[in-house]
C-alpha cells in the first residue's frame, strides 16, 4: 500500500497507481495459484504426503505437501472449505490423482488428529500407512499438562523422537506413558489416541 515513493523513483512513476499495483498483484497471484493447482504430478515419487489445514478469515485451506526421498517438500495442491472435512479432503485427493499422483506405490500419510483427514485417506487411499504428526501430538499433550512440567515432557518427547530403533522408541514411549500417568489422565488418553 505504500508504493508512492517507490513509484516516483521509477521514471516518474510511469503512470502507476496503488490500485494498478494491487490489480497486478491479484492477477499474478491468481496465475501462480492456477499453475500450482494444474501442474502435472506424473512421474513423481513421494515418500510421504503431509495433509493439514490452515485457516484464513474463517475459511479452511487444506494443504497436501509431498515429501521426496531427498527431504524436499513440494505443495501438491490446496482446497478451500469451511473445515478440514472428509468431503473437502476427498475432492483434493481426487484432483491430485487426476493430475498424476501415483496410487500404485504406497507412501506414508502424515496427519494431525482430524477425523475427516483420516476418513478421506482411508476412502481414497485404502491400505496406505498413516502416521499422526508428532508435532501436533506433542502440542495436544501439552494442552493437558501444567506449564511447570512442559520442559520435562519436551525433553522426554525429544528422546522418543531421536530413537532410531523400534525397541528403543517403544521403551521411551512406555516411559513417557508411565510418567504422564502421575500428571494427567487426559494427557495419557491423548498419547494413547495416536497409537504406536
N, C-alpha and C. Protein backbone atom coordinates (compact mmCIF):
# COMPACT_ATOMS: atom_id res chain seq x y z
N UNK A 1 0.81 -1.21 0.00
CA UNK A 1 0.00 0.00 0.00
C UNK A 1 0.85 1.26 0.00
N UNK A 2 2.10 1.13 0.39
CA UNK A 2 2.96 2.31 0.47
C UNK A 2 3.92 2.31 -0.71
N UNK A 3 3.37 2.45 -1.90
CA UNK A 3 4.19 2.36 -3.11
C UNK A 3 4.50 3.71 -3.73
N UNK A 4 3.88 4.78 -3.26
CA UNK A 4 4.06 6.08 -3.92
C UNK A 4 5.52 6.49 -4.05
N UNK A 5 6.29 6.39 -2.96
CA UNK A 5 7.70 6.81 -3.01
C UNK A 5 8.48 5.96 -4.00
N UNK A 6 8.24 4.68 -4.00
CA UNK A 6 8.94 3.80 -4.93
C UNK A 6 8.57 4.14 -6.37
N UNK A 7 7.28 4.37 -6.61
CA UNK A 7 6.84 4.65 -7.98
C UNK A 7 7.44 5.95 -8.49
N UNK A 8 7.62 6.93 -7.61
CA UNK A 8 8.21 8.19 -8.05
C UNK A 8 9.66 7.99 -8.48
N UNK A 9 10.32 7.01 -7.85
CA UNK A 9 11.72 6.73 -8.22
C UNK A 9 11.83 6.03 -9.56
N UNK A 10 10.76 5.37 -10.01
CA UNK A 10 10.80 4.61 -11.26
C UNK A 10 10.33 5.51 -12.39
N UNK A 11 11.26 6.24 -12.95
CA UNK A 11 10.99 7.09 -14.13
C UNK A 11 9.68 7.85 -14.03
N UNK A 12 9.53 8.57 -12.94
CA UNK A 12 8.35 9.41 -12.80
C UNK A 12 7.09 8.62 -12.56
N UNK A 13 7.19 7.37 -12.19
CA UNK A 13 6.01 6.59 -11.83
C UNK A 13 5.39 5.84 -12.98
N UNK A 14 5.70 6.20 -14.22
CA UNK A 14 5.17 5.51 -15.39
C UNK A 14 3.66 5.37 -15.36
N UNK A 15 2.98 6.26 -14.66
CA UNK A 15 1.52 6.23 -14.62
C UNK A 15 0.97 5.13 -13.72
N UNK A 16 1.80 4.58 -12.84
CA UNK A 16 1.33 3.52 -11.94
C UNK A 16 0.63 4.13 -10.73
N UNK A 17 -0.35 3.41 -10.23
CA UNK A 17 -1.06 3.83 -9.03
C UNK A 17 -1.13 2.65 -8.08
N UNK A 18 -1.55 2.93 -6.84
CA UNK A 18 -1.71 1.85 -5.87
C UNK A 18 -2.68 0.80 -6.38
N UNK A 19 -3.77 1.24 -6.99
CA UNK A 19 -4.77 0.29 -7.46
C UNK A 19 -4.25 -0.57 -8.61
N UNK A 20 -3.42 0.02 -9.50
CA UNK A 20 -2.88 -0.79 -10.60
C UNK A 20 -1.87 -1.80 -10.08
N UNK A 21 -1.08 -1.42 -9.06
CA UNK A 21 -0.15 -2.37 -8.45
C UNK A 21 -0.94 -3.49 -7.78
N UNK A 22 -2.01 -3.14 -7.08
CA UNK A 22 -2.85 -4.14 -6.41
C UNK A 22 -3.46 -5.10 -7.42
N UNK A 23 -3.99 -4.56 -8.54
CA UNK A 23 -4.57 -5.42 -9.57
C UNK A 23 -3.53 -6.35 -10.16
N UNK A 24 -2.31 -5.84 -10.38
CA UNK A 24 -1.24 -6.67 -10.93
C UNK A 24 -0.88 -7.79 -9.96
N UNK A 25 -0.86 -7.47 -8.65
CA UNK A 25 -0.56 -8.49 -7.65
C UNK A 25 -1.64 -9.57 -7.63
N UNK A 26 -2.90 -9.16 -7.66
CA UNK A 26 -4.02 -10.11 -7.65
C UNK A 26 -3.95 -10.99 -8.90
N UNK A 27 -3.70 -10.37 -10.05
CA UNK A 27 -3.63 -11.13 -11.30
C UNK A 27 -2.47 -12.12 -11.27
N UNK A 28 -1.30 -11.66 -10.81
CA UNK A 28 -0.13 -12.54 -10.72
C UNK A 28 -0.36 -13.68 -9.74
N UNK A 29 -0.99 -13.39 -8.61
CA UNK A 29 -1.29 -14.42 -7.61
C UNK A 29 -2.26 -15.46 -8.17
N UNK A 30 -3.26 -14.99 -8.89
CA UNK A 30 -4.25 -15.90 -9.48
C UNK A 30 -3.58 -16.86 -10.47
N UNK A 31 -2.67 -16.32 -11.30
CA UNK A 31 -1.97 -17.16 -12.28
C UNK A 31 -1.05 -18.17 -11.57
N UNK A 32 -0.36 -17.72 -10.53
CA UNK A 32 0.53 -18.63 -9.80
C UNK A 32 -0.26 -19.75 -9.13
N UNK A 33 -1.42 -19.42 -8.56
CA UNK A 33 -2.27 -20.43 -7.92
C UNK A 33 -2.80 -21.41 -8.96
N UNK A 34 -3.22 -20.89 -10.10
CA UNK A 34 -3.73 -21.76 -11.16
C UNK A 34 -2.65 -22.73 -11.63
N UNK A 35 -1.42 -22.23 -11.77
CA UNK A 35 -0.31 -23.11 -12.17
C UNK A 35 -0.09 -24.19 -11.11
N UNK A 36 -0.08 -23.80 -9.84
CA UNK A 36 0.12 -24.74 -8.74
C UNK A 36 -0.96 -25.82 -8.75
N UNK A 37 -2.20 -25.43 -9.03
CA UNK A 37 -3.33 -26.34 -8.95
C UNK A 37 -3.52 -27.21 -10.20
N UNK A 38 -2.78 -26.91 -11.27
CA UNK A 38 -2.97 -27.67 -12.51
C UNK A 38 -1.71 -28.38 -12.99
N UNK A 39 -0.57 -28.11 -12.41
CA UNK A 39 0.67 -28.71 -12.91
C UNK A 39 0.65 -30.22 -12.74
N UNK A 40 1.30 -30.91 -13.63
CA UNK A 40 1.31 -32.37 -13.64
C UNK A 40 2.14 -32.92 -12.49
N UNK A 41 1.64 -34.00 -11.91
CA UNK A 41 2.36 -34.73 -10.86
C UNK A 41 2.87 -36.07 -11.39
N UNK A 42 2.70 -36.31 -12.69
CA UNK A 42 3.09 -37.59 -13.29
C UNK A 42 4.58 -37.82 -13.16
N UNK A 43 4.93 -39.09 -12.88
CA UNK A 43 6.33 -39.47 -12.81
C UNK A 43 7.01 -39.14 -11.50
N UNK A 44 6.35 -38.45 -10.61
CA UNK A 44 6.96 -38.08 -9.33
C UNK A 44 6.69 -39.19 -8.31
N UNK A 45 7.68 -39.46 -7.49
CA UNK A 45 7.55 -40.46 -6.43
C UNK A 45 7.69 -39.75 -5.09
N UNK A 46 6.75 -40.04 -4.21
CA UNK A 46 6.71 -39.39 -2.89
C UNK A 46 6.94 -40.43 -1.81
N UNK A 47 7.72 -40.07 -0.81
CA UNK A 47 7.91 -40.93 0.36
C UNK A 47 6.76 -40.73 1.33
N UNK A 48 6.29 -39.49 1.41
CA UNK A 48 5.22 -39.15 2.35
C UNK A 48 4.43 -37.98 1.80
N UNK A 49 3.19 -37.90 2.23
CA UNK A 49 2.35 -36.74 1.94
C UNK A 49 1.76 -36.28 3.27
N UNK A 50 2.05 -35.04 3.61
CA UNK A 50 1.53 -34.45 4.84
C UNK A 50 0.30 -33.63 4.47
N UNK A 51 -0.79 -33.82 5.21
CA UNK A 51 -2.03 -33.10 4.93
C UNK A 51 -2.48 -32.40 6.20
N UNK A 52 -2.76 -31.11 6.08
CA UNK A 52 -3.22 -30.33 7.23
C UNK A 52 -4.00 -29.14 6.70
N UNK A 53 -4.69 -28.48 7.60
CA UNK A 53 -5.46 -27.30 7.23
C UNK A 53 -4.86 -26.07 7.90
N UNK A 54 -4.90 -24.96 7.18
CA UNK A 54 -4.58 -23.66 7.76
C UNK A 54 -5.83 -22.80 7.59
N UNK A 55 -5.98 -21.82 8.46
CA UNK A 55 -7.22 -21.05 8.48
C UNK A 55 -6.95 -19.58 8.22
N UNK A 56 -7.75 -19.01 7.32
CA UNK A 56 -7.70 -17.59 6.98
C UNK A 56 -9.11 -17.04 6.97
N UNK A 57 -9.36 -16.02 7.76
CA UNK A 57 -10.66 -15.35 7.74
C UNK A 57 -11.84 -16.29 7.88
N UNK A 58 -11.72 -17.27 8.75
CA UNK A 58 -12.82 -18.19 8.99
C UNK A 58 -12.96 -19.29 7.95
N UNK A 59 -12.04 -19.35 6.99
CA UNK A 59 -12.07 -20.38 5.95
C UNK A 59 -10.90 -21.32 6.16
N UNK A 60 -11.09 -22.57 5.79
CA UNK A 60 -10.05 -23.59 5.91
C UNK A 60 -9.43 -23.84 4.55
N UNK A 61 -8.10 -23.90 4.52
CA UNK A 61 -7.39 -24.28 3.31
C UNK A 61 -6.66 -25.59 3.63
N UNK A 62 -7.11 -26.69 3.02
CA UNK A 62 -6.45 -27.98 3.22
C UNK A 62 -5.28 -28.05 2.25
N UNK A 63 -4.10 -28.33 2.80
CA UNK A 63 -2.87 -28.36 2.02
C UNK A 63 -2.32 -29.78 2.00
N UNK A 64 -1.97 -30.27 0.81
CA UNK A 64 -1.27 -31.54 0.67
C UNK A 64 0.17 -31.22 0.28
N UNK A 65 1.11 -31.67 1.11
CA UNK A 65 2.52 -31.37 0.93
C UNK A 65 3.26 -32.67 0.68
N UNK A 66 3.82 -32.83 -0.50
CA UNK A 66 4.57 -34.04 -0.84
C UNK A 66 6.00 -33.94 -0.35
N UNK A 67 6.53 -35.06 0.16
CA UNK A 67 7.91 -35.10 0.64
C UNK A 67 8.65 -36.16 -0.17
N UNK A 68 9.72 -35.72 -0.84
CA UNK A 68 10.52 -36.61 -1.68
C UNK A 68 11.59 -37.31 -0.86
N UNK A 69 12.26 -38.30 -1.45
CA UNK A 69 13.28 -39.06 -0.73
C UNK A 69 14.45 -38.19 -0.29
N UNK A 70 14.67 -37.07 -0.96
CA UNK A 70 15.74 -36.15 -0.59
C UNK A 70 15.35 -35.25 0.58
N UNK A 71 14.07 -35.31 0.97
CA UNK A 71 13.56 -34.44 2.03
C UNK A 71 12.92 -33.18 1.49
N UNK A 72 13.02 -32.97 0.18
CA UNK A 72 12.42 -31.77 -0.43
C UNK A 72 10.90 -31.85 -0.30
N UNK A 73 10.31 -30.72 0.09
CA UNK A 73 8.86 -30.63 0.25
C UNK A 73 8.27 -29.81 -0.88
N UNK A 74 7.17 -30.31 -1.44
CA UNK A 74 6.52 -29.65 -2.58
C UNK A 74 5.02 -29.58 -2.30
N UNK A 75 4.45 -28.39 -2.41
CA UNK A 75 2.99 -28.26 -2.27
C UNK A 75 2.35 -28.93 -3.47
N UNK A 76 1.55 -29.96 -3.21
CA UNK A 76 0.89 -30.70 -4.30
C UNK A 76 -0.41 -30.03 -4.70
N UNK A 77 -1.15 -29.53 -3.71
CA UNK A 77 -2.43 -28.90 -4.02
C UNK A 77 -3.08 -28.34 -2.78
N UNK A 78 -4.10 -27.51 -3.02
CA UNK A 78 -4.86 -26.84 -1.96
C UNK A 78 -6.35 -27.00 -2.24
N UNK A 79 -7.14 -26.97 -1.18
CA UNK A 79 -8.59 -26.99 -1.35
C UNK A 79 -9.21 -26.15 -0.25
N UNK A 80 -10.05 -25.21 -0.64
CA UNK A 80 -10.71 -24.33 0.33
C UNK A 80 -12.05 -24.91 0.75
N UNK A 81 -12.36 -24.75 2.03
CA UNK A 81 -13.64 -25.20 2.56
C UNK A 81 -13.92 -24.53 3.89
N UNK A 82 -14.99 -24.96 4.54
CA UNK A 82 -15.30 -24.41 5.86
C UNK A 82 -14.48 -25.08 6.96
N UNK A 83 -14.16 -26.37 6.75
CA UNK A 83 -13.38 -27.14 7.71
C UNK A 83 -12.50 -28.11 6.94
N UNK A 84 -11.71 -28.89 7.69
CA UNK A 84 -10.92 -29.94 7.03
C UNK A 84 -11.74 -31.23 7.02
N UNK A 85 -12.92 -31.14 6.46
CA UNK A 85 -13.84 -32.28 6.42
C UNK A 85 -13.37 -33.32 5.42
N UNK A 86 -13.93 -34.52 5.55
CA UNK A 86 -13.56 -35.59 4.63
C UNK A 86 -13.97 -35.24 3.20
N UNK A 87 -15.08 -34.55 3.02
CA UNK A 87 -15.54 -34.18 1.67
C UNK A 87 -14.51 -33.29 0.97
N UNK A 88 -14.03 -32.27 1.66
CA UNK A 88 -13.03 -31.36 1.09
C UNK A 88 -11.75 -32.13 0.77
N UNK A 89 -11.32 -33.00 1.70
CA UNK A 89 -10.08 -33.77 1.50
C UNK A 89 -10.22 -34.77 0.36
N UNK A 90 -11.35 -35.44 0.28
CA UNK A 90 -11.58 -36.40 -0.81
C UNK A 90 -11.52 -35.70 -2.16
N UNK A 91 -12.16 -34.54 -2.25
CA UNK A 91 -12.11 -33.77 -3.51
C UNK A 91 -10.67 -33.40 -3.86
N UNK A 92 -9.90 -32.97 -2.86
CA UNK A 92 -8.50 -32.63 -3.10
C UNK A 92 -7.72 -33.86 -3.59
N UNK A 93 -7.92 -35.00 -2.93
CA UNK A 93 -7.20 -36.22 -3.32
C UNK A 93 -7.54 -36.64 -4.75
N UNK A 94 -8.83 -36.56 -5.13
CA UNK A 94 -9.21 -36.93 -6.49
C UNK A 94 -8.58 -35.99 -7.52
N UNK A 95 -8.49 -34.71 -7.21
CA UNK A 95 -7.84 -33.76 -8.12
C UNK A 95 -6.36 -34.11 -8.27
N UNK A 96 -5.71 -34.48 -7.17
CA UNK A 96 -4.29 -34.84 -7.23
C UNK A 96 -4.08 -36.10 -8.08
N UNK A 97 -4.97 -37.07 -7.92
CA UNK A 97 -4.88 -38.30 -8.71
C UNK A 97 -5.08 -38.00 -10.19
N UNK A 98 -6.05 -37.14 -10.51
CA UNK A 98 -6.29 -36.75 -11.91
C UNK A 98 -5.06 -36.07 -12.51
N UNK A 99 -4.30 -35.38 -11.69
CA UNK A 99 -3.09 -34.69 -12.16
C UNK A 99 -1.88 -35.60 -12.19
N UNK A 100 -2.05 -36.87 -11.79
CA UNK A 100 -0.96 -37.83 -11.92
C UNK A 100 -0.36 -38.36 -10.64
N UNK A 101 -0.94 -38.03 -9.47
CA UNK A 101 -0.43 -38.59 -8.22
C UNK A 101 -0.55 -40.10 -8.27
N UNK A 102 0.56 -40.79 -8.10
CA UNK A 102 0.58 -42.25 -8.21
C UNK A 102 -0.13 -42.88 -7.02
N UNK A 103 -0.91 -43.89 -7.33
CA UNK A 103 -1.58 -44.66 -6.27
C UNK A 103 -1.09 -46.10 -6.25
N UNK A 104 -0.17 -46.44 -7.17
CA UNK A 104 0.35 -47.80 -7.23
C UNK A 104 1.55 -48.01 -6.32
N UNK A 105 2.18 -46.93 -5.86
CA UNK A 105 3.31 -47.01 -4.93
C UNK A 105 2.90 -46.35 -3.61
N UNK A 106 2.61 -47.16 -2.61
CA UNK A 106 2.16 -46.57 -1.33
C UNK A 106 3.19 -45.62 -0.74
N UNK A 107 2.71 -44.57 -0.13
CA UNK A 107 3.56 -43.64 0.60
C UNK A 107 2.89 -43.39 1.95
N UNK A 108 3.63 -42.82 2.85
CA UNK A 108 3.14 -42.56 4.19
C UNK A 108 2.34 -41.27 4.22
N UNK A 109 1.16 -41.31 4.80
CA UNK A 109 0.40 -40.09 5.07
C UNK A 109 0.70 -39.63 6.49
N UNK A 110 0.99 -38.34 6.66
CA UNK A 110 1.21 -37.76 7.98
C UNK A 110 0.09 -36.77 8.21
N UNK A 111 -0.70 -37.01 9.27
CA UNK A 111 -1.91 -36.22 9.53
C UNK A 111 -1.93 -35.72 10.96
N UNK A 112 -2.69 -34.64 11.18
CA UNK A 112 -2.99 -34.27 12.56
C UNK A 112 -4.13 -35.18 13.01
N UNK A 113 -4.77 -34.87 14.10
CA UNK A 113 -5.80 -35.77 14.62
C UNK A 113 -7.17 -35.62 13.99
N UNK A 114 -7.30 -34.80 12.94
CA UNK A 114 -8.61 -34.58 12.33
C UNK A 114 -9.23 -35.85 11.78
N UNK A 115 -10.42 -36.16 12.24
CA UNK A 115 -11.09 -37.39 11.79
C UNK A 115 -11.43 -37.34 10.30
N UNK A 116 -11.74 -36.15 9.79
CA UNK A 116 -12.06 -36.02 8.37
C UNK A 116 -10.89 -36.38 7.48
N UNK A 117 -9.69 -36.00 7.89
CA UNK A 117 -8.50 -36.31 7.10
C UNK A 117 -8.27 -37.81 7.02
N UNK A 118 -8.33 -38.47 8.18
CA UNK A 118 -8.09 -39.92 8.19
C UNK A 118 -9.16 -40.66 7.42
N UNK A 119 -10.42 -40.22 7.56
CA UNK A 119 -11.52 -40.86 6.82
C UNK A 119 -11.28 -40.73 5.31
N UNK A 120 -10.84 -39.55 4.88
CA UNK A 120 -10.59 -39.33 3.45
C UNK A 120 -9.45 -40.20 2.94
N UNK A 121 -8.37 -40.31 3.72
CA UNK A 121 -7.25 -41.16 3.31
C UNK A 121 -7.71 -42.61 3.20
N UNK A 122 -8.45 -43.08 4.20
CA UNK A 122 -8.93 -44.47 4.18
C UNK A 122 -9.86 -44.75 3.00
N UNK A 123 -10.65 -43.75 2.61
CA UNK A 123 -11.58 -43.94 1.50
C UNK A 123 -10.87 -43.93 0.14
N UNK A 124 -9.94 -42.99 -0.04
CA UNK A 124 -9.31 -42.83 -1.35
C UNK A 124 -8.03 -43.66 -1.48
N UNK A 125 -7.29 -43.80 -0.39
CA UNK A 125 -6.00 -44.49 -0.42
C UNK A 125 -6.01 -45.67 0.56
N UNK A 126 -7.02 -46.51 0.47
CA UNK A 126 -7.16 -47.64 1.39
C UNK A 126 -5.87 -48.46 1.42
N UNK A 127 -5.40 -48.73 2.63
CA UNK A 127 -4.21 -49.56 2.80
C UNK A 127 -2.91 -48.77 2.89
N UNK A 128 -2.92 -47.48 2.55
CA UNK A 128 -1.71 -46.68 2.68
C UNK A 128 -1.45 -46.42 4.16
N UNK A 129 -0.19 -46.45 4.60
CA UNK A 129 0.09 -46.21 6.02
C UNK A 129 -0.18 -44.77 6.42
N UNK A 130 -0.65 -44.60 7.66
CA UNK A 130 -0.97 -43.28 8.19
C UNK A 130 -0.26 -43.12 9.53
N UNK A 131 0.37 -41.98 9.71
CA UNK A 131 1.02 -41.66 10.98
C UNK A 131 0.50 -40.33 11.46
N UNK A 132 0.30 -40.22 12.76
CA UNK A 132 -0.05 -38.94 13.35
C UNK A 132 1.18 -38.03 13.31
N UNK A 133 0.98 -36.78 13.03
CA UNK A 133 2.05 -35.79 13.06
C UNK A 133 2.53 -35.67 14.50
N UNK A 134 3.83 -35.93 14.73
CA UNK A 134 4.37 -35.91 16.08
C UNK A 134 4.35 -34.50 16.69
N UNK A 135 4.50 -33.48 15.84
CA UNK A 135 4.44 -32.11 16.35
C UNK A 135 3.04 -31.79 16.87
N UNK A 136 2.01 -32.18 16.12
CA UNK A 136 0.64 -31.95 16.57
C UNK A 136 0.36 -32.74 17.86
N UNK A 137 0.83 -33.98 17.91
CA UNK A 137 0.59 -34.80 19.09
C UNK A 137 1.26 -34.20 20.31
N UNK A 138 2.49 -33.73 20.15
CA UNK A 138 3.19 -33.08 21.26
C UNK A 138 2.39 -31.87 21.76
N UNK A 139 1.94 -31.05 20.83
CA UNK A 139 1.16 -29.86 21.19
C UNK A 139 -0.12 -30.25 21.92
N UNK A 140 -0.80 -31.30 21.43
CA UNK A 140 -2.05 -31.74 22.06
C UNK A 140 -1.82 -32.21 23.49
N UNK A 141 -0.77 -32.99 23.71
CA UNK A 141 -0.49 -33.50 25.06
C UNK A 141 -0.16 -32.35 26.00
N UNK A 142 0.63 -31.38 25.54
CA UNK A 142 0.98 -30.23 26.38
C UNK A 142 -0.25 -29.46 26.86
N UNK A 143 -1.32 -29.48 26.06
CA UNK A 143 -2.55 -28.79 26.45
C UNK A 143 -3.13 -29.34 27.75
N UNK A 144 -2.82 -30.59 28.08
CA UNK A 144 -3.36 -31.24 29.28
C UNK A 144 -2.41 -31.19 30.46
N UNK A 145 -1.24 -30.60 30.28
CA UNK A 145 -0.24 -30.59 31.34
C UNK A 145 -0.02 -29.20 31.89
N UNK A 146 0.31 -29.15 33.17
CA UNK A 146 0.68 -27.89 33.81
C UNK A 146 1.97 -27.38 33.17
N UNK A 147 2.07 -26.07 33.04
CA UNK A 147 3.27 -25.48 32.42
C UNK A 147 4.53 -25.85 33.17
N UNK A 148 4.44 -26.15 34.45
CA UNK A 148 5.63 -26.46 35.23
C UNK A 148 6.29 -27.77 34.79
N UNK A 149 5.56 -28.65 34.09
CA UNK A 149 6.15 -29.92 33.63
C UNK A 149 6.37 -29.96 32.12
N UNK A 150 6.10 -28.84 31.43
CA UNK A 150 6.29 -28.80 29.98
C UNK A 150 7.73 -29.11 29.59
N UNK A 151 8.69 -28.53 30.31
CA UNK A 151 10.10 -28.75 29.98
C UNK A 151 10.48 -30.23 30.06
N UNK A 152 10.05 -30.89 31.13
CA UNK A 152 10.36 -32.31 31.29
C UNK A 152 9.69 -33.14 30.20
N UNK A 153 8.42 -32.83 29.91
CA UNK A 153 7.75 -33.57 28.84
C UNK A 153 8.47 -33.38 27.51
N UNK A 154 8.84 -32.14 27.19
CA UNK A 154 9.53 -31.87 25.92
C UNK A 154 10.86 -32.61 25.83
N UNK A 155 11.61 -32.72 26.95
CA UNK A 155 12.86 -33.48 26.94
C UNK A 155 12.59 -34.95 26.65
N UNK A 156 11.57 -35.51 27.31
CA UNK A 156 11.23 -36.91 27.10
C UNK A 156 10.77 -37.16 25.67
N UNK A 157 9.96 -36.23 25.15
CA UNK A 157 9.45 -36.35 23.77
C UNK A 157 10.60 -36.29 22.76
N UNK A 158 11.58 -35.42 23.02
CA UNK A 158 12.74 -35.31 22.13
C UNK A 158 13.54 -36.62 22.13
N UNK A 159 13.68 -37.25 23.30
CA UNK A 159 14.38 -38.55 23.35
C UNK A 159 13.63 -39.59 22.52
N UNK A 160 12.31 -39.60 22.63
CA UNK A 160 11.50 -40.53 21.84
C UNK A 160 11.73 -40.31 20.35
N UNK A 161 11.71 -39.06 19.93
CA UNK A 161 11.86 -38.74 18.51
C UNK A 161 13.25 -39.04 17.98
N UNK A 162 14.25 -39.01 18.85
CA UNK A 162 15.63 -39.31 18.42
C UNK A 162 15.89 -40.81 18.33
N UNK A 163 14.99 -41.61 18.84
CA UNK A 163 15.19 -43.07 18.83
C UNK A 163 15.28 -43.57 17.40
N UNK A 164 16.26 -44.43 17.14
CA UNK A 164 16.46 -44.96 15.80
C UNK A 164 16.00 -46.40 15.67
N UNK A 165 15.84 -47.09 16.78
CA UNK A 165 15.41 -48.48 16.76
C UNK A 165 14.05 -48.59 17.42
N UNK A 166 13.25 -49.50 16.89
CA UNK A 166 11.89 -49.67 17.40
C UNK A 166 11.87 -49.96 18.89
N UNK A 167 12.73 -50.85 19.35
CA UNK A 167 12.72 -51.23 20.77
C UNK A 167 13.07 -50.05 21.67
N UNK A 168 14.01 -49.21 21.21
CA UNK A 168 14.36 -48.01 21.98
C UNK A 168 13.19 -47.03 22.01
N UNK A 169 12.55 -46.85 20.87
CA UNK A 169 11.40 -45.95 20.80
C UNK A 169 10.26 -46.46 21.68
N UNK A 170 10.02 -47.76 21.64
CA UNK A 170 8.95 -48.35 22.45
C UNK A 170 9.24 -48.15 23.94
N UNK A 171 10.50 -48.32 24.34
CA UNK A 171 10.87 -48.11 25.75
C UNK A 171 10.65 -46.66 26.16
N UNK A 172 11.03 -45.72 25.28
CA UNK A 172 10.81 -44.29 25.58
C UNK A 172 9.31 -43.98 25.66
N UNK A 173 8.55 -44.56 24.72
CA UNK A 173 7.09 -44.36 24.73
C UNK A 173 6.50 -44.84 26.05
N UNK A 174 6.88 -46.04 26.47
CA UNK A 174 6.37 -46.60 27.72
C UNK A 174 6.77 -45.75 28.92
N UNK A 175 7.99 -45.21 28.89
CA UNK A 175 8.46 -44.34 29.96
C UNK A 175 7.62 -43.06 30.03
N UNK A 176 7.35 -42.47 28.86
CA UNK A 176 6.51 -41.26 28.81
C UNK A 176 5.11 -41.58 29.33
N UNK A 177 4.58 -42.69 28.88
CA UNK A 177 3.23 -43.11 29.30
C UNK A 177 3.14 -43.21 30.82
N UNK A 178 4.11 -43.90 31.40
CA UNK A 178 4.12 -44.08 32.86
C UNK A 178 4.28 -42.74 33.57
N UNK A 179 5.16 -41.89 33.06
CA UNK A 179 5.39 -40.57 33.66
C UNK A 179 4.12 -39.72 33.60
N UNK A 180 3.43 -39.74 32.44
CA UNK A 180 2.21 -38.94 32.29
C UNK A 180 1.11 -39.38 33.24
N UNK A 181 1.07 -40.66 33.58
CA UNK A 181 0.02 -41.18 34.47
C UNK A 181 0.00 -40.46 35.82
N UNK A 182 1.14 -39.94 36.25
CA UNK A 182 1.18 -39.24 37.53
C UNK A 182 0.77 -37.78 37.42
N UNK A 183 0.53 -37.31 36.19
CA UNK A 183 0.18 -35.90 36.00
C UNK A 183 -1.21 -35.67 35.43
N UNK A 184 -1.63 -36.48 34.45
CA UNK A 184 -2.90 -36.18 33.80
C UNK A 184 -3.44 -37.38 33.03
N UNK A 185 -4.64 -37.81 33.42
CA UNK A 185 -5.31 -38.89 32.70
C UNK A 185 -5.61 -38.47 31.26
N UNK A 186 -5.98 -37.21 31.07
CA UNK A 186 -6.30 -36.73 29.72
C UNK A 186 -5.06 -36.71 28.83
N UNK A 187 -3.90 -36.38 29.39
CA UNK A 187 -2.66 -36.42 28.61
C UNK A 187 -2.34 -37.85 28.19
N UNK A 188 -2.57 -38.80 29.10
CA UNK A 188 -2.36 -40.22 28.78
C UNK A 188 -3.31 -40.64 27.66
N UNK A 189 -4.58 -40.24 27.78
CA UNK A 189 -5.56 -40.58 26.74
C UNK A 189 -5.16 -40.00 25.39
N UNK A 190 -4.62 -38.79 25.40
CA UNK A 190 -4.18 -38.15 24.16
C UNK A 190 -3.01 -38.92 23.55
N UNK A 191 -2.08 -39.37 24.38
CA UNK A 191 -0.96 -40.17 23.89
C UNK A 191 -1.46 -41.49 23.33
N UNK A 192 -2.36 -42.15 24.05
CA UNK A 192 -2.90 -43.45 23.60
C UNK A 192 -3.68 -43.31 22.30
N UNK A 193 -4.36 -42.19 22.13
CA UNK A 193 -5.22 -41.99 20.93
C UNK A 193 -4.41 -42.08 19.65
N UNK A 194 -3.14 -41.68 19.69
CA UNK A 194 -2.32 -41.70 18.48
C UNK A 194 -1.89 -43.11 18.10
N UNK A 195 -1.84 -44.01 19.08
CA UNK A 195 -1.39 -45.36 18.80
C UNK A 195 0.11 -45.40 18.55
N UNK A 196 0.64 -46.58 18.28
CA UNK A 196 2.08 -46.73 18.06
C UNK A 196 2.53 -45.96 16.81
